[in-house]
Each structure stands twice: as C-alpha cells, then as structure tokens.
Amino acid sequence: VSAICAHISYEAYLENKYGTDACNSGRERVSKALAIG
C-alpha cells in the first residue's frame, strides 16, 4: 500500500524503498490486484 501511495519507481523497488504512508487509493489498488490475481 505504501509503495503505491509513494509512487515509487522500479529503482526504489530494487532498494526496498517502499515508503511509509498509507492512503485509500493504495488500499483500493492492492485489493483490486488481489482480486484480479
């Protein structure tokens, strides 16, 4: 959720920089990802 809210890049992902903040849009996108998966 925090990675989505922080709009991280692939480079940040490589360095495990996921951010720390939560947001509704992040929760919704993760929920959608789980359902689609």
PDB file of all heavy atoms in Angstrom:
ATOM      1  N   VAL A   1       0.834  -1.204   0.000  1.00  0.00           N
ATOM      2  CA  VAL A   1       0.000   0.000   0.000  1.00  0.00           C
ATOM      3  C   VAL A   1       0.868   1.253   0.000  1.00  0.00           C
ATOM      4  O   VAL A   1       0.655   2.183  -0.790  1.00  0.00           O
ATOM      5  CB  VAL A   1      -0.956   0.003   1.206  1.00  0.00           C
ATOM      6  CG1 VAL A   1      -1.644   1.368   1.342  1.00  0.00           C
ATOM      7  CG2 VAL A   1      -1.999  -1.104   1.068  1.00  0.00           C
ATOM      8  N   SER A   2       1.862   1.293   0.874  1.00  0.00           N
ATOM      9  CA  SER A   2       2.704   2.497   0.972  1.00  0.00           C
ATOM     10  C   SER A   2       3.530   2.704  -0.295  1.00  0.00           C
ATOM     11  O   SER A   2       3.786   3.850  -0.694  1.00  0.00           O
ATOM     12  CB  SER A   2       3.623   2.408   2.193  1.00  0.00           C
ATOM     13  OG  SER A   2       4.501   1.310   2.103  1.00  0.00           O
ATOM     14  N   ALA A   3       3.932   1.623  -0.947  1.00  0.00           N
ATOM     15  CA  ALA A   3       4.686   1.758  -2.205  1.00  0.00           C
ATOM     16  C   ALA A   3       3.842   2.451  -3.262  1.00  0.00           C
ATOM     17  O   ALA A   3       4.335   3.312  -4.012  1.00  0.00           O
ATOM     18  CB  ALA A   3       5.126   0.385  -2.698  1.00  0.00           C
ATOM     19  N   ILE A   4       2.567   2.081  -3.324  1.00  0.00           N
ATOM     20  CA  ILE A   4       1.659   2.705  -4.293  1.00  0.00           C
ATOM     21  C   ILE A   4       1.412   4.155  -3.928  1.00  0.00           C
ATOM     22  O   ILE A   4       1.426   5.046  -4.792  1.00  0.00           O
ATOM     23  CB  ILE A   4       0.343   1.914  -4.361  1.00  0.00           C
ATOM     24  CG1 ILE A   4       0.605   0.520  -4.950  1.00  0.00           C
ATOM     25  CG2 ILE A   4      -0.701   2.661  -5.189  1.00  0.00           C
ATOM     26  CD1 ILE A   4      -0.539  -0.439  -4.806  1.00  0.00           C
ATOM     27  N   CYS A   5       1.205   4.410  -2.660  1.00  0.00           N
ATOM     28  CA  CYS A   5       0.938   5.791  -2.213  1.00  0.00           C
ATOM     29  C   CYS A   5       2.135   6.708  -2.451  1.00  0.00           C
ATOM     30  O   CYS A   5       1.973   7.897  -2.721  1.00  0.00           O
ATOM     31  CB  CYS A   5       0.570   5.794  -0.733  1.00  0.00           C
ATOM     32  SG  CYS A   5      -0.958   4.900  -0.347  1.00  0.00           S
ATOM     33  N   ALA A   6       3.347   6.130  -2.353  1.00  0.00           N
ATOM     34  CA  ALA A   6       4.567   6.923  -2.539  1.00  0.00           C
ATOM     35  C   ALA A   6       4.960   7.028  -4.012  1.00  0.00           C
ATOM     36  O   ALA A   6       5.942   7.717  -4.343  1.00  0.00           O
ATOM     37  CB  ALA A   6       5.711   6.304  -1.747  1.00  0.00           C
ATOM     38  N   HIS A   7       4.220   6.351  -4.897  1.00  0.00           N
ATOM     39  CA  HIS A   7       4.525   6.377  -6.335  1.00  0.00           C
ATOM     40  C   HIS A   7       5.979   5.998  -6.593  1.00  0.00           C
ATOM     41  O   HIS A   7       6.707   6.697  -7.318  1.00  0.00           O
ATOM     42  CB  HIS A   7       4.239   7.767  -6.922  1.00  0.00           C
ATOM     43  CG  HIS A   7       2.840   8.243  -6.693  1.00  0.00           C
ATOM     44  ND1 HIS A   7       1.749   7.723  -7.380  1.00  0.00           N
ATOM     45  CD2 HIS A   7       2.338   9.170  -5.833  1.00  0.00           C
ATOM     46  CE1 HIS A   7       0.653   8.329  -6.963  1.00  0.00           C
ATOM     47  NE2 HIS A   7       0.965   9.200  -6.027  1.00  0.00           N
ATOM     48  N   ILE A   8       6.421   4.893  -5.995  1.00  0.00           N
ATOM     49  CA  ILE A   8       7.823   4.521  -6.121  1.00  0.00           C
ATOM     50  C   ILE A   8       8.156   4.079  -7.554  1.00  0.00           C
ATOM     51  O   ILE A   8       7.280   3.669  -8.312  1.00  0.00           O
ATOM     52  CB  ILE A   8       8.217   3.413  -5.116  1.00  0.00           C
ATOM     53  CG1 ILE A   8       7.589   2.067  -5.497  1.00  0.00           C
ATOM     54  CG2 ILE A   8       7.872   3.810  -3.702  1.00  0.00           C
ATOM     55  CD1 ILE A   8       8.153   0.894  -4.706  1.00  0.00           C
ATOM     56  N   SER A   9       9.413   4.142  -7.879  1.00  0.00           N
ATOM     57  CA  SER A   9       9.913   3.698  -9.184  1.00  0.00           C
ATOM     58  C   SER A   9      10.470   2.286  -9.043  1.00  0.00           C
ATOM     59  O   SER A   9      10.591   1.749  -7.940  1.00  0.00           O
ATOM     60  CB  SER A   9      11.031   4.627  -9.655  1.00  0.00           C
ATOM     61  OG  SER A   9      12.144   4.540  -8.753  1.00  0.00           O
ATOM     62  N   TYR A  10      10.841   1.702 -10.166  1.00  0.00           N
ATOM     63  CA  TYR A  10      11.453   0.362 -10.112  1.00  0.00           C
ATOM     64  C   TYR A  10      12.795   0.428  -9.386  1.00  0.00           C
ATOM     65  O   TYR A  10      13.169  -0.510  -8.671  1.00  0.00           O
ATOM     66  CB  TYR A  10      11.641  -0.203 -11.520  1.00  0.00           C
ATOM     67  CG  TYR A  10      11.789  -1.703 -11.525  1.00  0.00           C
ATOM     68  CD1 TYR A  10      10.684  -2.535 -11.706  1.00  0.00           C
ATOM     69  CD2 TYR A  10      13.038  -2.316 -11.347  1.00  0.00           C
ATOM     70  CE1 TYR A  10      10.815  -3.923 -11.697  1.00  0.00           C
ATOM     71  CE2 TYR A  10      13.173  -3.700 -11.344  1.00  0.00           C
ATOM     72  CZ  TYR A  10      12.055  -4.496 -11.512  1.00  0.00           C
ATOM     73  OH  TYR A  10      12.187  -5.869 -11.490  1.00  0.00           O
ATOM     74  N   GLU A  11      13.514   1.529  -9.548  1.00  0.00           N
ATOM     75  CA  GLU A  11      14.794   1.687  -8.849  1.00  0.00           C
ATOM     76  C   GLU A  11      14.579   1.682  -7.334  1.00  0.00           C
ATOM     77  O   GLU A  11      15.361   1.075  -6.591  1.00  0.00           O
ATOM     78  CB  GLU A  11      15.479   2.987  -9.289  1.00  0.00           C
ATOM     79  CG  GLU A  11      15.944   2.987 -10.734  1.00  0.00           C
ATOM     80  CD  GLU A  11      16.956   1.898 -11.035  1.00  0.00           C
ATOM     81  OE1 GLU A  11      17.730   1.537 -10.133  1.00  0.00           O
ATOM     82  OE2 GLU A  11      16.968   1.399 -12.174  1.00  0.00           O
ATOM     83  N   ALA A  12      13.535   2.366  -6.872  1.00  0.00           N
ATOM     84  CA  ALA A  12      13.228   2.364  -5.442  1.00  0.00           C
ATOM     85  C   ALA A  12      12.840   0.966  -4.979  1.00  0.00           C
ATOM     86  O   ALA A  12      13.191   0.527  -3.878  1.00  0.00           O
ATOM     87  CB  ALA A  12      12.105   3.357  -5.146  1.00  0.00           C
ATOM     88  N   TYR A  13      12.130   0.267  -5.827  1.00  0.00           N
ATOM     89  CA  TYR A  13      11.749  -1.118  -5.525  1.00  0.00           C
ATOM     90  C   TYR A  13      12.986  -1.995  -5.366  1.00  0.00           C
ATOM     91  O   TYR A  13      13.067  -2.828  -4.449  1.00  0.00           O
ATOM     92  CB  TYR A  13      10.855  -1.623  -6.657  1.00  0.00           C
ATOM     93  CG  TYR A  13      10.514  -3.094  -6.614  1.00  0.00           C
ATOM     94  CD1 TYR A  13       9.924  -3.682  -5.492  1.00  0.00           C
ATOM     95  CD2 TYR A  13      10.776  -3.906  -7.719  1.00  0.00           C
ATOM     96  CE1 TYR A  13       9.605  -5.039  -5.480  1.00  0.00           C
ATOM     97  CE2 TYR A  13      10.451  -5.251  -7.716  1.00  0.00           C
ATOM     98  CZ  TYR A  13       9.873  -5.813  -6.593  1.00  0.00           C
ATOM     99  OH  TYR A  13       9.559  -7.151  -6.581  1.00  0.00           O
ATOM    100  N   LEU A  14      13.979  -1.796  -6.229  1.00  0.00           N
ATOM    101  CA  LEU A  14      15.218  -2.563  -6.117  1.00  0.00           C
ATOM    102  C   LEU A  14      15.911  -2.316  -4.781  1.00  0.00           C
ATOM    103  O   LEU A  14      16.573  -3.199  -4.234  1.00  0.00           O
ATOM    104  CB  LEU A  14      16.168  -2.199  -7.263  1.00  0.00           C
ATOM    105  CG  LEU A  14      15.797  -2.700  -8.665  1.00  0.00           C
ATOM    106  CD1 LEU A  14      16.775  -2.149  -9.694  1.00  0.00           C
ATOM    107  CD2 LEU A  14      15.779  -4.221  -8.712  1.00  0.00           C
ATOM    108  N   GLU A  15      15.751  -1.129  -4.247  1.00  0.00           N
ATOM    109  CA  GLU A  15      16.410  -0.758  -2.987  1.00  0.00           C
ATOM    110  C   GLU A  15      15.500  -0.928  -1.771  1.00  0.00           C
ATOM    111  O   GLU A  15      15.838  -0.506  -0.666  1.00  0.00           O
ATOM    112  CB  GLU A  15      16.891   0.699  -3.079  1.00  0.00           C
ATOM    113  CG  GLU A  15      17.931   0.920  -4.177  1.00  0.00           C
ATOM    114  CD  GLU A  15      18.307   2.373  -4.356  1.00  0.00           C
ATOM    115  OE1 GLU A  15      17.852   3.210  -3.532  1.00  0.00           O
ATOM    116  OE2 GLU A  15      19.040   2.687  -5.306  1.00  0.00           O
ATOM    117  N   ASN A  16      14.331  -1.551  -2.003  1.00  0.00           N
ATOM    118  CA  ASN A  16      13.361  -1.799  -0.913  1.00  0.00           C
ATOM    119  C   ASN A  16      12.880  -0.512  -0.240  1.00  0.00           C
ATOM    120  O   ASN A  16      12.583  -0.488   0.952  1.00  0.00           O
ATOM    121  CB  ASN A  16      13.944  -2.740   0.149  1.00  0.00           C
ATOM    122  CG  ASN A  16      14.193  -4.130  -0.407  1.00  0.00           C
ATOM    123  OD1 ASN A  16      13.464  -4.613  -1.268  1.00  0.00           O
ATOM    124  ND2 ASN A  16      15.232  -4.786   0.084  1.00  0.00           N
ATOM    125  N   LYS A  17      12.766   0.552  -1.026  1.00  0.00           N
ATOM    126  CA  LYS A  17      12.258   1.817  -0.502  1.00  0.00           C
ATOM    127  C   LYS A  17      10.759   1.899  -0.813  1.00  0.00           C
ATOM    128  O   LYS A  17      10.347   2.431  -1.837  1.00  0.00           O
ATOM    129  CB  LYS A  17      13.010   2.986  -1.135  1.00  0.00           C
ATOM    130  CG  LYS A  17      14.480   3.024  -0.750  1.00  0.00           C
ATOM    131  CD  LYS A  17      15.202   4.193  -1.417  1.00  0.00           C
ATOM    132  CE  LYS A  17      16.667   4.240  -1.015  1.00  0.00           C
ATOM    133  NZ  LYS A  17      17.402   5.369  -1.674  1.00  0.00           N
ATOM    134  N   TYR A  18       9.961   1.340   0.107  1.00  0.00           N
ATOM    135  CA  TYR A  18       8.521   1.223  -0.135  1.00  0.00           C
ATOM    136  C   TYR A  18       7.715   2.413   0.381  1.00  0.00           C
ATOM    137  O   TYR A  18       6.510   2.484   0.149  1.00  0.00           O
ATOM    138  CB  TYR A  18       7.995  -0.051   0.532  1.00  0.00           C
ATOM    139  CG  TYR A  18       8.528  -1.311  -0.100  1.00  0.00           C
ATOM    140  CD1 TYR A  18       9.468  -2.093   0.568  1.00  0.00           C
ATOM    141  CD2 TYR A  18       8.111  -1.710  -1.360  1.00  0.00           C
ATOM    142  CE1 TYR A  18       9.967  -3.254  -0.015  1.00  0.00           C
ATOM    143  CE2 TYR A  18       8.610  -2.865  -1.948  1.00  0.00           C
ATOM    144  CZ  TYR A  18       9.530  -3.633  -1.268  1.00  0.00           C
ATOM    145  OH  TYR A  18      10.022  -4.776  -1.845  1.00  0.00           O
ATOM    146  N   GLY A  19       8.363   3.324   1.068  1.00  0.00           N
ATOM    147  CA  GLY A  19       7.608   4.427   1.651  1.00  0.00           C
ATOM    148  C   GLY A  19       7.018   4.023   2.993  1.00  0.00           C
ATOM    149  O   GLY A  19       7.157   2.875   3.440  1.00  0.00           O
ATOM    150  N   THR A  20       6.329   4.948   3.624  1.00  0.00           N
ATOM    151  CA  THR A  20       5.791   4.681   4.968  1.00  0.00           C
ATOM    152  C   THR A  20       4.328   5.095   5.120  1.00  0.00           C
ATOM    153  O   THR A  20       3.699   4.738   6.118  1.00  0.00           O
ATOM    154  CB  THR A  20       6.623   5.431   6.023  1.00  0.00           C
ATOM    155  OG1 THR A  20       6.635   6.839   5.719  1.00  0.00           O
ATOM    156  CG2 THR A  20       8.053   4.908   6.069  1.00  0.00           C
ATOM    157  N   ASP A  21       3.791   5.834   4.183  1.00  0.00           N
ATOM    158  CA  ASP A  21       2.431   6.355   4.330  1.00  0.00           C
ATOM    159  C   ASP A  21       1.400   5.441   3.668  1.00  0.00           C
ATOM    160  O   ASP A  21       1.672   4.772   2.675  1.00  0.00           O
ATOM    161  CB  ASP A  21       2.325   7.763   3.722  1.00  0.00           C
ATOM    162  CG  ASP A  21       3.211   8.760   4.443  1.00  0.00           C
ATOM    163  OD1 ASP A  21       3.429   8.578   5.661  1.00  0.00           O
ATOM    164  OD2 ASP A  21       3.693   9.697   3.789  1.00  0.00           O
ATOM    165  N   ALA A  22       0.206   5.438   4.243  1.00  0.00           N
ATOM    166  CA  ALA A  22      -0.912   4.680   3.673  1.00  0.00           C
ATOM    167  C   ALA A  22      -1.930   5.656   3.095  1.00  0.00           C
ATOM    168  O   ALA A  22      -2.007   6.818   3.510  1.00  0.00           O
ATOM    169  CB  ALA A  22      -1.569   3.818   4.750  1.00  0.00           C
ATOM    170  N   CYS A  23      -2.706   5.210   2.124  1.00  0.00           N
ATOM    171  CA  CYS A  23      -3.741   6.045   1.530  1.00  0.00           C
ATOM    172  C   CYS A  23      -4.839   5.137   0.977  1.00  0.00           C
ATOM    173  O   CYS A  23      -4.616   3.952   0.711  1.00  0.00           O
ATOM    174  CB  CYS A  23      -3.168   6.935   0.418  1.00  0.00           C
ATOM    175  SG  CYS A  23      -2.429   6.025  -0.960  1.00  0.00           S
ATOM    176  N   ASN A  24      -6.008   5.697   0.817  1.00  0.00           N
ATOM    177  CA  ASN A  24      -7.144   4.898   0.336  1.00  0.00           C
ATOM    178  C   ASN A  24      -6.915   4.361  -1.075  1.00  0.00           C
ATOM    179  O   ASN A  24      -7.284   3.226  -1.388  1.00  0.00           O
ATOM    180  CB  ASN A  24      -8.425   5.733   0.376  1.00  0.00           C
ATOM    181  CG  ASN A  24      -8.919   5.973   1.793  1.00  0.00           C
ATOM    182  OD1 ASN A  24      -8.644   5.168   2.689  1.00  0.00           O
ATOM    183  ND2 ASN A  24      -9.636   7.058   2.006  1.00  0.00           N
ATOM    184  N   SER A  25      -6.305   5.179  -1.919  1.00  0.00           N
ATOM    185  CA  SER A  25      -6.071   4.727  -3.298  1.00  0.00           C
ATOM    186  C   SER A  25      -5.110   3.531  -3.325  1.00  0.00           C
ATOM    187  O   SER A  25      -5.256   2.626  -4.151  1.00  0.00           O
ATOM    188  CB  SER A  25      -5.517   5.869  -4.157  1.00  0.00           C
ATOM    189  OG  SER A  25      -4.287   6.341  -3.640  1.00  0.00           O
ATOM    190  N   GLY A  26      -4.155   3.524  -2.398  1.00  0.00           N
ATOM    191  CA  GLY A  26      -3.230   2.399  -2.319  1.00  0.00           C
ATOM    192  C   GLY A  26      -3.937   1.132  -1.860  1.00  0.00           C
ATOM    193  O   GLY A  26      -3.710   0.051  -2.419  1.00  0.00           O
ATOM    194  N   ARG A  27      -4.784   1.272  -0.862  1.00  0.00           N
ATOM    195  CA  ARG A  27      -5.542   0.112  -0.374  1.00  0.00           C
ATOM    196  C   ARG A  27      -6.453  -0.432  -1.473  1.00  0.00           C
ATOM    197  O   ARG A  27      -6.574  -1.645  -1.651  1.00  0.00           O
ATOM    198  CB  ARG A  27      -6.367   0.504   0.855  1.00  0.00           C
ATOM    199  CG  ARG A  27      -5.541   0.932   2.066  1.00  0.00           C
ATOM    200  CD  ARG A  27      -6.430   1.130   3.289  1.00  0.00           C
ATOM    201  NE  ARG A  27      -5.698   1.717   4.398  1.00  0.00           N
ATOM    202  CZ  ARG A  27      -5.647   3.019   4.660  1.00  0.00           C
ATOM    203  NH1 ARG A  27      -6.306   3.880   3.875  1.00  0.00           N
ATOM    204  NH2 ARG A  27      -4.943   3.474   5.681  1.00  0.00           N
ATOM    205  N   GLU A  28      -7.095   0.469  -2.197  1.00  0.00           N
ATOM    206  CA  GLU A  28      -8.010   0.041  -3.258  1.00  0.00           C
ATOM    207  C   GLU A  28      -7.259  -0.683  -4.369  1.00  0.00           C
ATOM    208  O   GLU A  28      -7.737  -1.687  -4.905  1.00  0.00           O
ATOM    209  CB  GLU A  28      -8.752   1.264  -3.825  1.00  0.00           C
ATOM    210  CG  GLU A  28      -9.752   1.869  -2.851  1.00  0.00           C
ATOM    211  CD  GLU A  28     -10.326   3.184  -3.338  1.00  0.00           C
ATOM    212  OE1 GLU A  28      -9.932   3.616  -4.448  1.00  0.00           O
ATOM    213  OE2 GLU A  28     -11.150   3.783  -2.624  1.00  0.00           O
ATOM    214  N   ARG A  29      -6.071  -0.191  -4.709  1.00  0.00           N
ATOM    215  CA  ARG A  29      -5.324  -0.818  -5.795  1.00  0.00           C
ATOM    216  C   ARG A  29      -4.812  -2.197  -5.387  1.00  0.00           C
ATOM    217  O   ARG A  29      -4.810  -3.125  -6.195  1.00  0.00           O
ATOM    218  CB  ARG A  29      -4.153   0.064  -6.232  1.00  0.00           C
ATOM    219  CG  ARG A  29      -3.506  -0.419  -7.520  1.00  0.00           C
ATOM    220  CD  ARG A  29      -2.541   0.599  -8.091  1.00  0.00           C
ATOM    221  NE  ARG A  29      -3.201   1.848  -8.437  1.00  0.00           N
ATOM    222  CZ  ARG A  29      -2.611   2.873  -9.042  1.00  0.00           C
ATOM    223  NH1 ARG A  29      -1.333   2.776  -9.380  1.00  0.00           N
ATOM    224  NH2 ARG A  29      -3.255   3.979  -9.312  1.00  0.00           N
ATOM    225  N   VAL A  30      -4.392  -2.336  -4.147  1.00  0.00           N
ATOM    226  CA  VAL A  30      -3.948  -3.649  -3.671  1.00  0.00           C
ATOM    227  C   VAL A  30      -5.121  -4.620  -3.644  1.00  0.00           C
ATOM    228  O   VAL A  30      -4.994  -5.783  -4.045  1.00  0.00           O
ATOM    229  CB  VAL A  30      -3.296  -3.541  -2.276  1.00  0.00           C
ATOM    230  CG1 VAL A  30      -3.092  -4.929  -1.664  1.00  0.00           C
ATOM    231  CG2 VAL A  30      -1.958  -2.820  -2.375  1.00  0.00           C
ATOM    232  N   SER A  31      -6.275  -4.155  -3.190  1.00  0.00           N
ATOM    233  CA  SER A  31      -7.463  -5.021  -3.170  1.00  0.00           C
ATOM    234  C   SER A  31      -7.825  -5.466  -4.579  1.00  0.00           C
ATOM    235  O   SER A  31      -8.167  -6.632  -4.817  1.00  0.00           O
ATOM    236  CB  SER A  31      -8.651  -4.289  -2.535  1.00  0.00           C
ATOM    237  OG  SER A  31      -8.417  -4.038  -1.166  1.00  0.00           O
ATOM    238  N   LYS A  32      -7.733  -4.540  -5.523  1.00  0.00           N
ATOM    239  CA  LYS A  32      -8.030  -4.882  -6.916  1.00  0.00           C
ATOM    240  C   LYS A  32      -7.016  -5.884  -7.449  1.00  0.00           C
ATOM    241  O   LYS A  32      -7.366  -6.833  -8.159  1.00  0.00           O
ATOM    242  CB  LYS A  32      -8.031  -3.616  -7.774  1.00  0.00           C
ATOM    243  CG  LYS A  32      -8.295  -3.877  -9.256  1.00  0.00           C
ATOM    244  CD  LYS A  32      -8.427  -2.580 -10.042  1.00  0.00           C
ATOM    245  CE  LYS A  32      -9.749  -1.897  -9.751  1.00  0.00           C
ATOM    246  NZ  LYS A  32      -9.992  -0.740 -10.661  1.00  0.00           N
ATOM    247  N   ALA A  33      -5.738  -5.675  -7.101  1.00  0.00           N
ATOM    248  CA  ALA A  33      -4.687  -6.590  -7.555  1.00  0.00           C
ATOM    249  C   ALA A  33      -4.920  -8.000  -7.026  1.00  0.00           C
ATOM    250  O   ALA A  33      -4.763  -8.985  -7.753  1.00  0.00           O
ATOM    251  CB  ALA A  33      -3.321  -6.078  -7.104  1.00  0.00           C
ATOM    252  N   LEU A  34      -5.297  -8.117  -5.765  1.00  0.00           N
ATOM    253  CA  LEU A  34      -5.546  -9.427  -5.177  1.00  0.00           C
ATOM    254  C   LEU A  34      -6.728 -10.120  -5.853  1.00  0.00           C
ATOM    255  O   LEU A  34      -6.678 -11.320  -6.137  1.00  0.00           O
ATOM    256  CB  LEU A  34      -5.809  -9.291  -3.673  1.00  0.00           C
ATOM    257  CG  LEU A  34      -4.602  -8.863  -2.830  1.00  0.00           C
ATOM    258  CD1 LEU A  34      -5.035  -8.562  -1.389  1.00  0.00           C
ATOM    259  CD2 LEU A  34      -3.526  -9.941  -2.838  1.00  0.00           C
ATOM    260  N   ALA A  35      -7.783  -9.360  -6.119  1.00  0.00           N
ATOM    261  CA  ALA A  35      -8.969  -9.937  -6.764  1.00  0.00           C
ATOM    262  C   ALA A  35      -8.659 -10.389  -8.192  1.00  0.00           C
ATOM    263  O   ALA A  35      -9.036 -11.486  -8.611  1.00  0.00           O
ATOM    264  CB  ALA A  35     -10.104  -8.922  -6.762  1.00  0.00           C
ATOM    265  N   ILE A  36      -7.955  -9.548  -8.943  1.00  0.00           N
ATOM    266  CA  ILE A  36      -7.616  -9.891 -10.323  1.00  0.00           C
ATOM    267  C   ILE A  36      -6.664 -11.076 -10.362  1.00  0.00           C
ATOM    268  O   ILE A  36      -6.816 -12.002 -11.172  1.00  0.00           O
ATOM    269  CB  ILE A  36      -7.004  -8.678 -11.042  1.00  0.00           C
ATOM    270  CG1 ILE A  36      -8.071  -7.609 -11.284  1.00  0.00           C
ATOM    271  CG2 ILE A  36      -6.367  -9.091 -12.365  1.00  0.00           C
ATOM    272  CD1 ILE A  36      -7.533  -6.320 -11.835  1.00  0.00           C
ATOM    273  N   GLY A  37      -5.670 -11.064  -9.465  1.00  0.00           N
ATOM    274  CA  GLY A  37      -4.727 -12.174  -9.418  1.00  0.00           C
ATOM    275  C   GLY A  37      -5.416 -13.496  -9.146  1.00  0.00           C
ATOM    276  O   GLY A  37      -5.143 -14.501  -9.817  1.00  0.00           O
TER     277      GLY A  37
END
